[in-house]
Amino acid sequence: VQRGALEEGIDSVRVFFEEHQENDDVRSLLAGALKTLGYQRLRESKRPEALDLFREAIALGADDVDVAVIKRIVDEAPRTAEGQSPDLGEKFDEARKLFERGSTLLQEGRTAEAIEALTRSLELVPANPFAHHQIGVGHAIEGRLERAAEEFETAIGEASEMELDLPASYVKLAEVVFQLGK
């Protein structure tokens, strides 16, 4: 699947998966390949096909940062004609890069820059509970506890809407509320 013949590889994994549906490794491999092909279809402005691939990946249980955002896009996306939003793939790619940069900056202790990158990520693709969580961490580090609490609450709410669990946000929210003395 990783050699570039993605579509053929996916077909092979699908056949293998039909015979080994209980195998979590095969399920994960297929979900990842479907996600990758979905990104490719977004870049090619083949939005309906991309959304179908993302739906299939989600149905297989794909669960990570990208899928959280994709799930929101899929849930809100009307099934419409080809090419309705040709820039969606580019926006998503840029948002993902900004999220990764913001997360790295946060780990490096460059909090203000991290918050800026994460906020720009949300401007491109607003539905990302993981970005809200990271922004909350940044605000907590900077001592802006009320703002941090708001971000953790937003992260929890968005994750819940996406039927995801984000326990780290609950923990961080509890820490902030305790520090605020509420």
Protein backbone atom coordinates (compact mmCIF):
# COMPACT_ATOMS: atom_id res chain seq x y z
CA VAL A 1 0.00 0.00 0.00
CA GLN A 2 2.91 2.36 0.71
CA ARG A 3 4.56 2.00 -2.70
CA GLY A 4 2.27 4.43 -4.50
CA ALA A 5 -0.26 1.99 -5.92
CA LEU A 6 -2.65 3.06 -3.22
CA GLU A 7 -5.91 2.13 -4.89
CA GLU A 8 -4.71 -1.37 -5.79
CA GLY A 9 -3.27 -1.78 -2.32
CA ILE A 10 -6.55 -0.76 -0.72
CA ASP A 11 -8.40 -3.31 -2.84
CA SER A 12 -5.99 -6.03 -1.70
CA VAL A 13 -6.33 -5.03 1.95
CA ARG A 14 -10.13 -4.94 1.60
CA VAL A 15 -10.12 -8.53 0.34
CA PHE A 16 -7.79 -9.61 3.13
CA PHE A 17 -9.89 -7.71 5.67
CA GLU A 18 -13.04 -9.54 4.56
CA GLU A 19 -11.32 -12.78 5.54
CA HIS A 20 -9.81 -11.40 8.77
CA GLN A 21 -12.30 -8.85 10.09
CA GLU A 22 -11.31 -9.50 13.68
CA ASN A 23 -7.70 -8.43 13.01
CA ASP A 24 -7.23 -4.93 14.42
CA ASP A 25 -3.92 -4.44 12.58
CA VAL A 26 -5.55 -5.09 9.21
CA ARG A 27 -8.49 -2.84 10.17
CA SER A 28 -6.05 -0.05 11.12
CA LEU A 29 -4.01 -0.50 7.93
CA LEU A 30 -7.13 -0.27 5.78
CA ALA A 31 -8.44 2.77 7.67
CA GLY A 32 -5.10 4.56 7.26
CA ALA A 33 -4.94 3.77 3.55
CA LEU A 34 -8.50 4.99 3.03
CA LYS A 35 -7.66 8.20 4.89
CA THR A 36 -4.56 8.74 2.72
CA LEU A 37 -6.52 8.17 -0.47
CA GLY A 38 -9.20 10.53 0.85
CA TYR A 39 -6.59 13.30 1.27
CA GLN A 40 -5.41 12.63 -2.27
CA ARG A 41 -8.97 12.94 -3.58
CA LEU A 42 -9.44 16.22 -1.70
CA ARG A 43 -6.30 17.61 -3.34
CA GLU A 44 -7.71 16.51 -6.71
CA SER A 45 -10.98 18.37 -5.91
CA LYS A 46 -12.89 15.09 -5.84
CA ARG A 47 -14.74 15.97 -2.66
CA PRO A 48 -17.64 13.47 -2.79
CA GLU A 49 -15.22 10.59 -3.36
CA ALA A 50 -12.96 11.86 -0.58
CA LEU A 51 -15.89 12.10 1.83
CA ASP A 52 -16.94 8.53 0.99
CA LEU A 53 -13.40 7.32 1.71
CA PHE A 54 -13.32 9.24 4.99
CA ARG A 55 -16.71 7.79 5.97
CA GLU A 56 -15.38 4.30 5.33
CA ALA A 57 -12.24 5.01 7.40
CA ILE A 58 -14.38 6.32 10.26
CA ALA A 59 -16.65 3.26 10.06
CA LEU A 60 -13.55 1.09 10.48
CA GLY A 61 -12.79 2.93 13.71
CA ALA A 62 -10.03 5.28 12.57
CA ASP A 63 -9.49 7.61 15.53
CA ASP A 64 -6.87 10.33 15.58
CA VAL A 65 -6.53 14.08 15.26
CA ASP A 66 -7.14 14.15 11.51
CA VAL A 67 -10.15 11.87 11.77
CA ALA A 68 -11.73 14.09 14.40
CA VAL A 69 -11.64 16.98 11.97
CA ILE A 70 -12.59 14.81 9.02
CA LYS A 71 -15.54 13.40 10.96
CA ARG A 72 -16.90 16.91 11.50
CA ILE A 73 -16.38 17.76 7.82
CA VAL A 74 -18.07 14.52 6.77
CA ASP A 75 -20.98 14.99 9.16
CA GLU A 76 -21.61 18.53 7.97
CA ALA A 77 -20.86 17.98 4.30
CA PRO A 78 -23.83 17.68 2.02
CA ARG A 79 -23.48 15.00 -0.62
CA THR A 80 -23.23 17.29 -3.62
CA ALA A 81 -21.84 17.42 -7.12
CA GLU A 82 -18.15 17.07 -7.93
CA GLY A 83 -15.90 20.03 -7.25
CA GLN A 84 -18.10 22.05 -4.89
CA SER A 85 -15.20 23.00 -2.61
CA PRO A 86 -11.97 22.58 -4.54
CA ASP A 87 -9.90 24.28 -1.83
CA LEU A 88 -11.05 21.99 1.00
CA GLY A 89 -8.04 19.68 0.66
CA GLU A 90 -5.61 22.58 0.66
CA LYS A 91 -7.32 24.16 3.68
CA PHE A 92 -7.23 20.89 5.56
CA ASP A 93 -3.55 20.30 4.73
CA GLU A 94 -2.63 23.82 5.85
CA ALA A 95 -4.71 23.47 9.04
CA ARG A 96 -3.01 20.17 9.84
CA LYS A 97 0.44 21.71 9.33
CA LEU A 98 -0.45 24.64 11.58
CA PHE A 99 -1.78 22.26 14.25
CA GLU A 100 1.43 20.22 14.14
CA ARG A 101 3.56 23.38 14.25
CA GLY A 102 1.55 24.76 17.16
CA SER A 103 1.86 21.51 19.08
CA THR A 104 5.62 21.45 18.50
CA LEU A 105 5.98 25.10 19.56
CA LEU A 106 4.01 24.35 22.72
CA GLN A 107 6.37 21.48 23.56
CA GLU A 108 9.32 23.81 22.98
CA GLY A 109 7.89 26.34 25.44
CA ARG A 110 7.11 28.93 22.76
CA THR A 111 3.59 29.39 24.05
CA ALA A 112 2.53 32.62 22.34
CA GLU A 113 3.66 31.36 18.93
CA ALA A 114 1.96 28.03 19.60
CA ILE A 115 -1.36 29.67 20.43
CA GLU A 116 -1.11 31.80 17.29
CA ALA A 117 -0.44 28.79 15.03
CA LEU A 118 -3.20 26.72 16.64
CA THR A 119 -5.67 29.61 16.35
CA ARG A 120 -4.82 30.02 12.66
CA SER A 121 -5.40 26.28 12.25
CA LEU A 122 -8.90 26.71 13.68
CA GLU A 123 -9.59 29.62 11.34
CA LEU A 124 -9.07 27.25 8.39
CA VAL A 125 -10.86 24.22 9.85
CA PRO A 126 -12.84 25.27 12.93
CA ALA A 127 -13.85 21.82 14.16
CA ASN A 128 -10.80 20.49 15.94
CA PRO A 129 -11.17 19.68 19.63
CA PHE A 130 -7.48 18.76 19.82
CA ALA A 131 -6.49 22.29 18.73
CA HIS A 132 -8.79 23.79 21.37
CA HIS A 133 -7.18 21.51 23.96
CA GLN A 134 -3.69 22.63 22.96
CA ILE A 135 -4.72 26.29 23.03
CA GLY A 136 -6.13 25.69 26.51
CA VAL A 137 -2.80 24.25 27.61
CA GLY A 138 -1.04 27.32 26.24
CA HIS A 139 -3.34 29.71 28.07
CA ALA A 140 -2.92 27.71 31.30
CA ILE A 141 0.86 27.94 30.98
CA GLU A 142 0.56 31.70 30.46
CA GLY A 143 -1.67 31.99 33.54
CA ARG A 144 -4.84 32.89 31.65
CA LEU A 145 -6.88 30.31 33.53
CA GLU A 146 -10.37 31.56 32.60
CA ARG A 147 -9.44 31.47 28.92
CA ALA A 148 -7.86 28.02 29.37
CA ALA A 149 -11.07 26.73 30.96
CA GLU A 150 -13.09 28.05 28.01
CA GLU A 151 -10.83 26.23 25.55
CA PHE A 152 -10.99 22.95 27.49
CA GLU A 153 -14.79 23.22 27.64
CA THR A 154 -14.89 23.85 23.89
CA ALA A 155 -12.60 20.86 23.28
CA ILE A 156 -14.82 18.63 25.42
CA GLY A 157 -17.97 19.86 23.68
CA GLU A 158 -16.60 19.40 20.17
CA ALA A 159 -15.18 15.98 21.00
CA SER A 160 -18.55 14.94 22.39
CA GLU A 161 -20.31 16.12 19.22
CA MET A 162 -17.87 13.98 17.23
CA GLU A 163 -18.52 11.03 19.52
CA LEU A 164 -14.89 11.12 20.66
CA ASP A 165 -13.58 11.00 24.19
CA LEU A 166 -10.94 13.54 25.18
CA PRO A 167 -10.06 12.67 28.79
CA ALA A 168 -7.01 14.95 28.82
CA SER A 169 -9.30 17.97 28.45
CA TYR A 170 -11.40 16.86 31.43
CA VAL A 171 -8.23 16.51 33.52
CA LYS A 172 -6.87 19.90 32.45
CA LEU A 173 -10.25 21.56 33.00
CA ALA A 174 -10.39 20.12 36.53
CA GLU A 175 -6.87 21.39 37.24
CA VAL A 176 -7.73 24.89 36.01
CA VAL A 177 -11.01 25.02 37.91
CA PHE A 178 -9.16 23.92 41.06
CA GLN A 179 -6.56 26.67 40.53
CA LEU A 180 -9.33 29.20 40.04
CA GLY A 181 -10.85 28.06 43.33
CA LYS A 182 -14.26 27.34 41.85
